[in-house]
Amino acid sequence: MKGRKEQQDRSADDRKARLAEALRANLMKRKAQARSRRAGAADARPDGLAAAREQKED
């Protein structure tokens, strides 16, 4: 019984992680769209979610 509960917890955690990653990707996409629509030069700053992702992967 314990193994099944752990498996359910793990699958729930995996689902949360997938949803969080999809949300971050969607946010980055929308921010990029907003930046491309505004006038002026593109941002070259390494901040925001992209910077957080780079630190996480290291």
N, C-alpha and C. Protein backbone atom coordinates (compact mmCIF):
# COMPACT_ATOMS: atom_id res chain seq x y z
N MET A 1 0.82 -1.20 0.00
CA MET A 1 0.00 0.00 0.00
C MET A 1 0.86 1.26 0.00
N LYS A 2 1.94 1.23 0.75
CA LYS A 2 2.79 2.40 0.84
C LYS A 2 3.40 2.76 -0.51
N GLY A 3 3.78 1.75 -1.29
CA GLY A 3 4.38 1.99 -2.60
C GLY A 3 3.43 2.71 -3.54
N ARG A 4 2.16 2.35 -3.47
CA ARG A 4 1.18 3.00 -4.35
C ARG A 4 1.00 4.47 -3.97
N LYS A 5 0.97 4.75 -2.68
CA LYS A 5 0.83 6.13 -2.21
C LYS A 5 2.02 6.97 -2.64
N GLU A 6 3.22 6.41 -2.53
CA GLU A 6 4.43 7.13 -2.95
C GLU A 6 4.40 7.38 -4.45
N GLN A 7 3.92 6.41 -5.22
CA GLN A 7 3.83 6.57 -6.67
C GLN A 7 2.84 7.68 -7.02
N GLN A 8 1.71 7.73 -6.33
CA GLN A 8 0.73 8.78 -6.57
C GLN A 8 1.30 10.15 -6.23
N ASP A 9 2.02 10.22 -5.11
CA ASP A 9 2.65 11.49 -4.72
C ASP A 9 3.67 11.92 -5.76
N ARG A 10 4.46 10.98 -6.25
CA ARG A 10 5.48 11.27 -7.24
C ARG A 10 4.84 11.75 -8.54
N SER A 11 3.76 11.09 -8.96
CA SER A 11 3.11 11.50 -10.20
C SER A 11 2.45 12.87 -10.05
N ALA A 12 1.93 13.16 -8.86
CA ALA A 12 1.35 14.48 -8.61
C ALA A 12 2.44 15.55 -8.65
N ASP A 13 3.60 15.23 -8.06
CA ASP A 13 4.72 16.18 -8.10
C ASP A 13 5.21 16.38 -9.53
N ASP A 14 5.28 15.30 -10.30
CA ASP A 14 5.70 15.41 -11.70
C ASP A 14 4.73 16.28 -12.49
N ARG A 15 3.45 16.12 -12.23
CA ARG A 15 2.43 16.92 -12.93
C ARG A 15 2.59 18.40 -12.57
N LYS A 16 2.78 18.68 -11.28
CA LYS A 16 2.97 20.06 -10.85
C LYS A 16 4.20 20.67 -11.52
N ALA A 17 5.27 19.89 -11.61
CA ALA A 17 6.50 20.38 -12.24
C ALA A 17 6.28 20.66 -13.72
N ARG A 18 5.56 19.77 -14.40
CA ARG A 18 5.27 19.98 -15.84
C ARG A 18 4.42 21.22 -16.04
N LEU A 19 3.40 21.39 -15.20
CA LEU A 19 2.53 22.56 -15.31
C LEU A 19 3.30 23.85 -15.02
N ALA A 20 4.17 23.81 -14.03
CA ALA A 20 4.96 25.00 -13.70
C ALA A 20 5.89 25.36 -14.85
N GLU A 21 6.51 24.36 -15.46
CA GLU A 21 7.41 24.62 -16.60
C GLU A 21 6.62 25.17 -17.78
N ALA A 22 5.43 24.64 -18.04
CA ALA A 22 4.60 25.14 -19.14
C ALA A 22 4.17 26.57 -18.87
N LEU A 23 3.87 26.88 -17.63
CA LEU A 23 3.48 28.24 -17.27
C LEU A 23 4.64 29.21 -17.47
N ARG A 24 5.85 28.80 -17.05
CA ARG A 24 7.02 29.65 -17.26
C ARG A 24 7.29 29.87 -18.74
N ALA A 25 7.18 28.80 -19.54
CA ALA A 25 7.41 28.92 -20.97
C ALA A 25 6.39 29.85 -21.61
N ASN A 26 5.14 29.74 -21.20
CA ASN A 26 4.08 30.60 -21.73
C ASN A 26 4.34 32.06 -21.35
N LEU A 27 4.74 32.28 -20.12
CA LEU A 27 5.03 33.64 -19.67
C LEU A 27 6.19 34.24 -20.46
N MET A 28 7.24 33.47 -20.66
CA MET A 28 8.39 33.95 -21.43
C MET A 28 7.97 34.28 -22.86
N LYS A 29 7.13 33.44 -23.45
CA LYS A 29 6.65 33.67 -24.81
C LYS A 29 5.84 34.96 -24.88
N ARG A 30 4.95 35.16 -23.92
CA ARG A 30 4.12 36.37 -23.93
C ARG A 30 4.95 37.62 -23.69
N LYS A 31 5.96 37.52 -22.82
CA LYS A 31 6.83 38.68 -22.59
C LYS A 31 7.62 39.01 -23.85
N ALA A 32 8.09 37.99 -24.55
CA ALA A 32 8.82 38.22 -25.79
C ALA A 32 7.92 38.87 -26.83
N GLN A 33 6.67 38.44 -26.90
CA GLN A 33 5.72 39.05 -27.83
C GLN A 33 5.50 40.52 -27.48
N ALA A 34 5.35 40.80 -26.21
CA ALA A 34 5.12 42.18 -25.76
C ALA A 34 6.34 43.04 -26.08
N ARG A 35 7.54 42.50 -25.87
CA ARG A 35 8.75 43.26 -26.18
C ARG A 35 8.86 43.55 -27.67
N SER A 36 8.48 42.58 -28.49
CA SER A 36 8.61 42.78 -29.94
C SER A 36 7.59 43.78 -30.46
N ARG A 37 6.50 43.95 -29.75
CA ARG A 37 5.46 44.88 -30.19
C ARG A 37 5.76 46.32 -29.81
N ARG A 38 6.55 46.53 -28.77
CA ARG A 38 6.80 47.90 -28.35
C ARG A 38 7.92 48.51 -29.19
N ALA A 39 7.92 49.81 -29.24
CA ALA A 39 8.92 50.52 -30.03
C ALA A 39 10.25 50.54 -29.29
N GLY A 40 11.32 50.63 -30.04
CA GLY A 40 12.65 50.73 -29.44
C GLY A 40 13.42 49.44 -29.60
N ALA A 41 14.62 49.47 -29.07
CA ALA A 41 15.52 48.32 -29.17
C ALA A 41 15.10 47.22 -28.20
N ALA A 42 15.46 46.01 -28.52
CA ALA A 42 15.14 44.87 -27.67
C ALA A 42 15.99 44.90 -26.42
N ASP A 43 15.48 44.33 -25.36
CA ASP A 43 16.22 44.26 -24.11
C ASP A 43 17.34 43.25 -24.22
N ALA A 44 18.46 43.56 -23.62
CA ALA A 44 19.58 42.62 -23.58
C ALA A 44 19.91 42.25 -22.15
N ARG A 45 18.97 42.46 -21.24
CA ARG A 45 19.21 42.19 -19.82
C ARG A 45 19.06 40.70 -19.53
N PRO A 46 19.96 40.15 -18.73
CA PRO A 46 19.84 38.73 -18.35
C PRO A 46 19.07 38.54 -17.06
N ASP A 47 17.90 39.16 -16.93
CA ASP A 47 17.14 39.02 -15.71
C ASP A 47 15.82 38.34 -16.00
N GLY A 48 15.03 38.13 -15.00
CA GLY A 48 13.74 37.49 -15.18
C GLY A 48 13.83 35.98 -15.13
N LEU A 49 12.87 35.32 -15.70
CA LEU A 49 12.77 33.86 -15.61
C LEU A 49 13.88 33.16 -16.38
N ALA A 50 14.32 33.73 -17.48
CA ALA A 50 15.39 33.10 -18.25
C ALA A 50 16.66 33.02 -17.41
N ALA A 51 16.96 34.06 -16.67
CA ALA A 51 18.15 34.05 -15.82
C ALA A 51 18.01 33.01 -14.72
N ALA A 52 16.84 32.86 -14.18
CA ALA A 52 16.60 31.87 -13.14
C ALA A 52 16.78 30.45 -13.69
N ARG A 53 16.35 30.24 -14.89
CA ARG A 53 16.47 28.93 -15.50
C ARG A 53 17.93 28.57 -15.70
N GLU A 54 18.78 29.53 -16.12
CA GLU A 54 20.19 29.28 -16.33
C GLU A 54 20.87 28.88 -15.03
N GLN A 55 20.53 29.50 -13.93
CA GLN A 55 21.12 29.16 -12.65
C GLN A 55 20.68 27.78 -12.20
N LYS A 56 19.43 27.44 -12.48
CA LYS A 56 18.89 26.15 -12.07
C LYS A 56 19.59 25.01 -12.78
N GLU A 57 19.91 25.18 -14.06
CA GLU A 57 20.51 24.12 -14.85
C GLU A 57 21.95 23.85 -14.46
N ASP A 58 22.65 24.84 -13.94
CA ASP A 58 24.07 24.68 -13.58
C ASP A 58 24.27 23.75 -12.44
